[in-house]
Amino acid sequence: MTEDVKIYLNGEFVGRDKARVSVFDQGILFGDGVFEGIRAYNSRVFKCAEHVDRLFQGAKALCLDIPMDKAQTIQIVTETCRVNGVRDGYIRLVVTRGIGDLGLLPLPAPAPTVFCIAASLTLYPMETYEKGMQVITAARRRNTAGCLDPQVKSLNYLNNILAKLEAHHAGAQEALMLNGEGLVTECAGDNVFIIKDGEILTPPVHLGILNGITRRTVIRLARDMGMSVRETEFTLFNVYGADECFLTGTAAEVAPVRLVDHRIIGNGGPGPVTRKIGSAFREYAQSHGTPIFPEE
């Protein structure tokens, strides 16, 4: 991230050195807030309205009132890209409950803190997409919806971070997370798909996963291409025996998996279905989204 980046913070754009949040902000003290990671492709913010809608849904689940409507929030996202000249990049939109005290109960309700950052991002090297990534299964289980619903993209991301650390310490790039019953849910930062006998399978949302924007897009694109996609429960046995496996996410896009727990998946590289879906997604993302520079 360059030094001259401008960050939207509570109604104004400030330089990186002035983009400061209070140590009494509930987002820092308790992870009390929501966020969205969003991508810009070819001067368009991909699925901006869907991301903003999910942000508002998550905030509602946390009884957090966002101090602007959805149209104004979309404008904040596109303007942050315009101010920074971002045509292709990554956007992080964050809303915290705001400045409170050291108590858990945020009453009286403080004014929320809102900030938005737009910059470049490279999550995985190109080699990952050409050869496939290595994934391990985390010992840490996925949060259940009864504790903290993973559909809420909250600032409390410790469950995911600890799983990601497991992957890092094992020399892998991602960590597959199981729920309490041992069923596959998702990875630390990405949704997961497997392919068996030409059918694409992915865990259903009720198992405890984030209903990813990229996940939903891939499901629709695959079905539009005549592929069979089924949201269903499966275990590690099914992952190990899959013909192909890939991950989806805003930053990862469509990332093929080569190894899971040192088991080679399929032929050990990106399979034909994964390649076709990845290509379709990249083509789709380049031409769909909210214009950043509408005058062009």
Protein backbone atom coordinates (compact mmCIF):
# COMPACT_ATOMS: atom_id res chain seq x y z
CA MET A 1 0.00 0.00 0.00
CA THR A 2 1.45 3.37 -1.05
CA GLU A 3 2.06 6.17 1.43
CA ASP A 4 -0.24 8.61 -0.39
CA VAL A 5 -3.34 6.40 -0.12
CA LYS A 6 -6.49 8.20 0.99
CA ILE A 7 -8.78 6.41 3.41
CA TYR A 8 -12.42 7.20 4.00
CA LEU A 9 -12.98 7.68 7.74
CA ASN A 10 -16.25 8.92 9.20
CA GLY A 11 -17.22 11.22 6.36
CA GLU A 12 -13.86 12.45 5.09
CA PHE A 13 -10.79 11.24 3.25
CA VAL A 14 -7.57 11.32 5.24
CA GLY A 15 -4.01 10.26 4.63
CA ARG A 16 -2.71 6.95 5.91
CA ASP A 17 -0.89 8.58 8.83
CA LYS A 18 -4.10 10.31 9.97
CA ALA A 19 -6.42 7.34 9.59
CA ARG A 20 -6.62 6.61 13.29
CA VAL A 21 -9.25 4.89 15.41
CA SER A 22 -9.63 5.36 19.16
CA VAL A 23 -8.29 2.68 21.51
CA PHE A 24 -11.77 2.81 23.06
CA ASP A 25 -13.42 1.80 19.79
CA GLN A 26 -15.54 -1.30 20.37
CA GLY A 27 -14.14 -2.85 17.22
CA ILE A 28 -10.66 -2.84 18.76
CA LEU A 29 -11.68 -3.71 22.31
CA PHE A 30 -14.12 -6.51 21.48
CA GLY A 31 -14.14 -7.18 17.72
CA ASP A 32 -17.58 -5.59 17.73
CA GLY A 33 -18.34 -4.71 14.13
CA VAL A 34 -18.73 -5.99 10.60
CA PHE A 35 -16.67 -5.77 7.42
CA GLU A 36 -16.64 -6.65 3.74
CA GLY A 37 -13.77 -7.49 1.45
CA ILE A 38 -14.67 -6.36 -2.07
CA ARG A 39 -12.87 -6.49 -5.42
CA ALA A 40 -12.58 -4.00 -8.24
CA TYR A 41 -12.05 -5.27 -11.77
CA ASN A 42 -11.63 -3.20 -14.90
CA SER A 43 -12.92 0.03 -13.26
CA ARG A 44 -15.96 -1.70 -11.74
CA VAL A 45 -16.67 -2.74 -8.14
CA PHE A 46 -17.67 -6.38 -8.41
CA LYS A 47 -21.03 -7.25 -6.81
CA CYS A 48 -20.91 -4.04 -4.78
CA ALA A 49 -24.64 -4.03 -3.99
CA GLU A 50 -24.49 -7.65 -2.79
CA HIS A 51 -21.54 -6.93 -0.52
CA VAL A 52 -23.24 -3.88 0.94
CA ASP A 53 -26.45 -5.83 1.45
CA ARG A 54 -24.53 -8.50 3.37
CA LEU A 55 -22.84 -5.81 5.45
CA PHE A 56 -26.24 -4.45 6.47
CA GLN A 57 -27.58 -7.93 7.22
CA GLY A 58 -24.60 -8.66 9.45
CA ALA A 59 -24.96 -5.32 11.21
CA LYS A 60 -28.64 -6.01 11.84
CA ALA A 61 -27.77 -9.36 13.40
CA LEU A 62 -25.43 -7.50 15.78
CA CYS A 63 -28.00 -4.75 16.56
CA LEU A 64 -25.58 -2.29 14.96
CA ASP A 65 -27.10 0.70 13.14
CA ILE A 66 -25.06 1.77 10.11
CA PRO A 67 -25.26 5.60 9.89
CA MET A 68 -26.02 5.72 6.15
CA ASP A 69 -28.26 3.87 3.73
CA LYS A 70 -27.14 1.28 1.19
CA ALA A 71 -26.95 3.75 -1.72
CA GLN A 72 -24.71 6.06 0.31
CA THR A 73 -22.54 3.12 1.33
CA ILE A 74 -22.08 2.05 -2.29
CA GLN A 75 -21.09 5.64 -3.07
CA ILE A 76 -18.46 5.54 -0.30
CA VAL A 77 -16.95 2.40 -1.84
CA THR A 78 -16.79 3.78 -5.39
CA GLU A 79 -15.56 7.18 -4.25
CA THR A 80 -12.75 5.58 -2.24
CA CYS A 81 -11.65 3.81 -5.41
CA ARG A 82 -11.90 7.03 -7.45
CA VAL A 83 -9.93 9.10 -4.95
CA ASN A 84 -7.13 6.51 -5.02
CA GLY A 85 -7.29 5.83 -8.75
CA VAL A 86 -8.05 2.15 -8.10
CA ARG A 87 -9.38 0.38 -11.17
CA ASP A 88 -8.28 -3.13 -10.21
CA GLY A 89 -7.79 -3.85 -6.54
CA TYR A 90 -9.18 -4.77 -3.17
CA ILE A 91 -11.53 -2.76 -0.96
CA ARG A 92 -12.03 -3.20 2.77
CA LEU A 93 -15.21 -1.64 4.16
CA VAL A 94 -15.54 -1.67 7.97
CA VAL A 95 -18.22 -0.55 10.41
CA THR A 96 -17.57 -0.80 14.16
CA ARG A 97 -19.93 0.01 16.99
CA GLY A 98 -17.80 3.07 17.73
CA ILE A 99 -16.16 4.59 20.78
CA GLY A 100 -17.44 3.20 24.05
CA ASP A 101 -15.91 2.29 27.40
CA LEU A 102 -14.33 -0.83 28.86
CA GLY A 103 -17.65 -2.51 29.57
CA LEU A 104 -19.25 -5.16 27.38
CA LEU A 105 -22.64 -3.49 27.14
CA PRO A 106 -22.41 -0.65 24.58
CA LEU A 107 -24.97 1.68 26.19
CA PRO A 108 -25.73 4.39 25.48
CA ALA A 109 -25.15 3.41 21.86
CA PRO A 110 -22.07 5.22 20.51
CA ALA A 111 -21.76 6.66 17.02
CA PRO A 112 -20.43 3.91 14.73
CA THR A 113 -16.99 4.18 13.15
CA VAL A 114 -16.98 3.72 9.36
CA PHE A 115 -13.88 3.43 7.22
CA CYS A 116 -13.05 2.22 3.74
CA ILE A 117 -9.67 1.34 2.21
CA ALA A 118 -8.94 0.68 -1.46
CA ALA A 119 -5.57 -0.68 -2.55
CA SER A 120 -3.87 -3.39 -4.59
CA LEU A 121 -3.83 -6.98 -3.36
CA THR A 122 -2.12 -10.21 -4.36
CA LEU A 123 -3.27 -13.04 -2.13
CA TYR A 124 -1.64 -16.01 -3.82
CA PRO A 125 1.19 -16.17 -6.37
CA MET A 126 0.38 -17.09 -9.97
CA GLU A 127 2.02 -20.48 -9.39
CA THR A 128 -0.86 -21.37 -7.08
CA TYR A 129 -3.36 -21.04 -9.92
CA GLU A 130 -1.13 -22.91 -12.35
CA LYS A 131 -0.20 -25.85 -10.10
CA GLY A 132 -2.71 -25.81 -7.25
CA MET A 133 -2.36 -25.11 -3.54
CA GLN A 134 -1.67 -27.20 -0.49
CA VAL A 135 -4.37 -27.37 2.18
CA ILE A 136 -4.42 -28.98 5.62
CA THR A 137 -7.33 -29.76 7.92
CA ALA A 138 -7.30 -27.54 10.98
CA ALA A 139 -7.61 -29.13 14.41
CA ARG A 140 -9.70 -26.10 15.38
CA ARG A 141 -13.38 -26.55 14.61
CA ARG A 142 -15.59 -23.97 12.91
CA ASN A 143 -17.76 -21.71 15.03
CA THR A 144 -21.35 -22.89 15.14
CA ALA A 145 -24.28 -20.71 14.16
CA GLY A 146 -25.57 -21.15 17.71
CA CYS A 147 -22.49 -19.39 19.09
CA LEU A 148 -21.54 -16.84 16.45
CA ASP A 149 -23.10 -17.39 13.05
CA PRO A 150 -20.35 -17.50 10.38
CA GLN A 151 -22.81 -15.78 8.02
CA VAL A 152 -22.06 -12.61 10.00
CA LYS A 153 -18.77 -11.29 8.62
CA SER A 154 -17.80 -9.82 11.96
CA LEU A 155 -14.53 -8.29 13.13
CA ASN A 156 -14.22 -11.21 15.55
CA TYR A 157 -12.19 -13.36 13.15
CA LEU A 158 -10.06 -15.22 15.67
CA ASN A 159 -11.58 -18.61 14.78
CA ASN A 160 -10.40 -18.11 11.20
CA ILE A 161 -7.03 -16.60 12.13
CA LEU A 162 -6.06 -19.50 14.39
CA ALA A 163 -6.95 -21.98 11.64
CA LYS A 164 -4.90 -19.96 9.14
CA LEU A 165 -1.96 -20.03 11.55
CA GLU A 166 -2.23 -23.82 11.67
CA ALA A 167 -1.92 -23.89 7.89
CA HIS A 168 1.05 -21.52 7.95
CA HIS A 169 2.87 -23.56 10.59
CA ALA A 170 2.27 -26.70 8.53
CA GLY A 171 3.66 -25.09 5.38
CA ALA A 172 0.25 -24.99 3.70
CA GLN A 173 -1.65 -22.07 2.19
CA GLU A 174 -5.10 -22.74 3.61
CA ALA A 175 -6.83 -24.68 6.37
CA LEU A 176 -9.99 -26.70 5.89
CA MET A 177 -12.33 -26.37 8.86
CA LEU A 178 -14.79 -29.00 10.10
CA ASN A 179 -17.82 -28.46 12.28
CA GLY A 180 -18.47 -30.25 15.56
CA GLU A 181 -19.82 -33.31 13.72
CA GLY A 182 -16.74 -33.61 11.53
CA LEU A 183 -18.43 -32.33 8.40
CA VAL A 184 -16.52 -30.08 6.00
CA THR A 185 -17.61 -26.44 6.25
CA GLU A 186 -15.15 -24.02 4.62
CA CYS A 187 -11.56 -22.86 4.80
CA ALA A 188 -10.17 -20.13 7.03
CA GLY A 189 -10.74 -17.50 4.36
CA ASP A 190 -12.43 -19.28 1.46
CA ASN A 191 -15.38 -21.48 0.54
CA VAL A 192 -14.65 -25.00 -0.69
CA PHE A 193 -15.90 -27.04 -3.65
CA ILE A 194 -15.15 -30.61 -4.71
CA ILE A 195 -15.91 -32.37 -8.00
CA LYS A 196 -16.74 -36.05 -8.24
CA ASP A 197 -17.86 -37.85 -11.40
CA GLY A 198 -18.66 -34.54 -13.07
CA GLU A 199 -20.82 -33.20 -10.22
CA ILE A 200 -19.80 -30.11 -8.25
CA LEU A 201 -20.44 -30.30 -4.50
CA THR A 202 -20.18 -27.58 -1.86
CA PRO A 203 -21.28 -27.48 1.80
CA PRO A 204 -24.66 -25.86 2.52
CA VAL A 205 -24.82 -22.63 4.49
CA HIS A 206 -26.58 -24.20 7.47
CA LEU A 207 -23.45 -26.19 8.36
CA GLY A 208 -21.80 -22.96 9.47
CA ILE A 209 -20.21 -21.14 6.56
CA LEU A 210 -20.09 -17.67 5.12
CA ASN A 211 -22.36 -17.52 2.09
CA GLY A 212 -19.61 -16.06 -0.06
CA ILE A 213 -20.33 -13.68 -2.92
CA THR A 214 -17.80 -15.47 -5.12
CA ARG A 215 -19.29 -18.81 -4.01
CA ARG A 216 -22.76 -17.74 -5.14
CA THR A 217 -21.42 -16.39 -8.42
CA VAL A 218 -19.54 -19.61 -9.18
CA ILE A 219 -22.62 -21.73 -8.46
CA ARG A 220 -24.70 -19.66 -10.85
CA LEU A 221 -22.04 -19.58 -13.59
CA ALA A 222 -21.53 -23.34 -13.36
CA ARG A 223 -25.26 -24.00 -13.65
CA ASP A 224 -25.51 -21.59 -16.57
CA MET A 225 -22.84 -23.70 -18.29
CA GLY A 226 -24.95 -26.80 -17.78
CA MET A 227 -22.93 -28.23 -14.89
CA SER A 228 -24.54 -30.06 -11.99
CA VAL A 229 -24.01 -28.23 -8.67
CA ARG A 230 -25.29 -29.58 -5.38
CA GLU A 231 -25.09 -28.04 -1.91
CA THR A 232 -24.68 -31.06 0.35
CA GLU A 233 -22.90 -32.38 3.41
CA PHE A 234 -19.66 -34.31 3.00
CA THR A 235 -16.63 -35.38 5.02
CA LEU A 236 -12.87 -35.45 4.54
CA PHE A 237 -13.28 -38.90 2.97
CA ASN A 238 -15.09 -37.24 0.08
CA VAL A 239 -12.46 -34.51 -0.21
CA TYR A 240 -9.59 -36.99 -0.34
CA GLY A 241 -11.37 -39.02 -3.02
CA ALA A 242 -12.48 -36.06 -5.14
CA ASP A 243 -11.51 -35.73 -8.78
CA GLU A 244 -10.93 -32.00 -8.29
CA CYS A 245 -11.09 -29.43 -5.52
CA PHE A 246 -11.06 -25.65 -5.60
CA LEU A 247 -11.59 -22.74 -3.22
CA THR A 248 -13.48 -19.51 -3.85
CA GLY A 249 -13.25 -16.11 -2.21
CA THR A 250 -13.16 -12.42 -2.98
CA ALA A 251 -9.37 -12.29 -2.77
CA ALA A 252 -8.65 -15.88 -3.86
CA GLU A 253 -11.17 -15.86 -6.75
CA VAL A 254 -11.14 -19.51 -7.96
CA ALA A 255 -8.07 -21.28 -6.58
CA PRO A 256 -7.35 -24.94 -7.43
CA VAL A 257 -6.25 -27.36 -4.69
CA ARG A 258 -3.46 -29.87 -5.32
CA LEU A 259 -2.98 -31.47 -1.90
CA VAL A 260 -5.19 -31.91 1.15
CA ASP A 261 -3.47 -33.33 4.23
CA HIS A 262 -0.71 -34.59 1.91
CA ARG A 263 -3.21 -36.53 -0.22
CA ILE A 264 -3.01 -35.73 -3.91
CA ILE A 265 -6.37 -34.58 -5.26
CA GLY A 266 -7.23 -36.12 -8.61
CA ASN A 267 -4.29 -35.87 -10.97
CA GLY A 268 -2.46 -33.41 -8.71
CA GLY A 269 -3.17 -30.22 -10.63
CA PRO A 270 -6.02 -27.95 -11.70
CA GLY A 271 -8.62 -30.16 -13.35
CA PRO A 272 -10.68 -29.33 -16.44
CA VAL A 273 -13.81 -28.31 -14.52
CA THR A 274 -11.83 -26.05 -12.18
CA ARG A 275 -10.09 -24.43 -15.14
CA LYS A 276 -13.36 -23.86 -16.97
CA ILE A 277 -15.02 -22.31 -13.92
CA GLY A 278 -12.00 -20.16 -13.15
CA SER A 279 -11.90 -18.85 -16.70
CA ALA A 280 -15.65 -18.15 -16.70
CA PHE A 281 -15.43 -16.31 -13.41
CA ARG A 282 -12.54 -14.10 -14.52
CA GLU A 283 -14.35 -13.21 -17.73
CA TYR A 284 -17.58 -12.46 -15.86
CA ALA A 285 -15.87 -10.34 -13.19
CA GLN A 286 -14.24 -8.10 -15.79
CA SER A 287 -17.58 -6.92 -17.13
CA HIS A 288 -19.97 -6.92 -14.16
CA GLY A 289 -20.06 -4.40 -11.36
CA THR A 290 -20.75 -0.84 -10.26
CA PRO A 291 -18.77 1.67 -12.36
CA ILE A 292 -16.04 3.53 -10.47
CA PHE A 293 -15.72 6.22 -13.12
CA PRO A 294 -19.28 6.51 -14.49
CA GLU A 295 -18.33 9.43 -16.74
CA GLU A 296 -16.06 7.18 -18.83
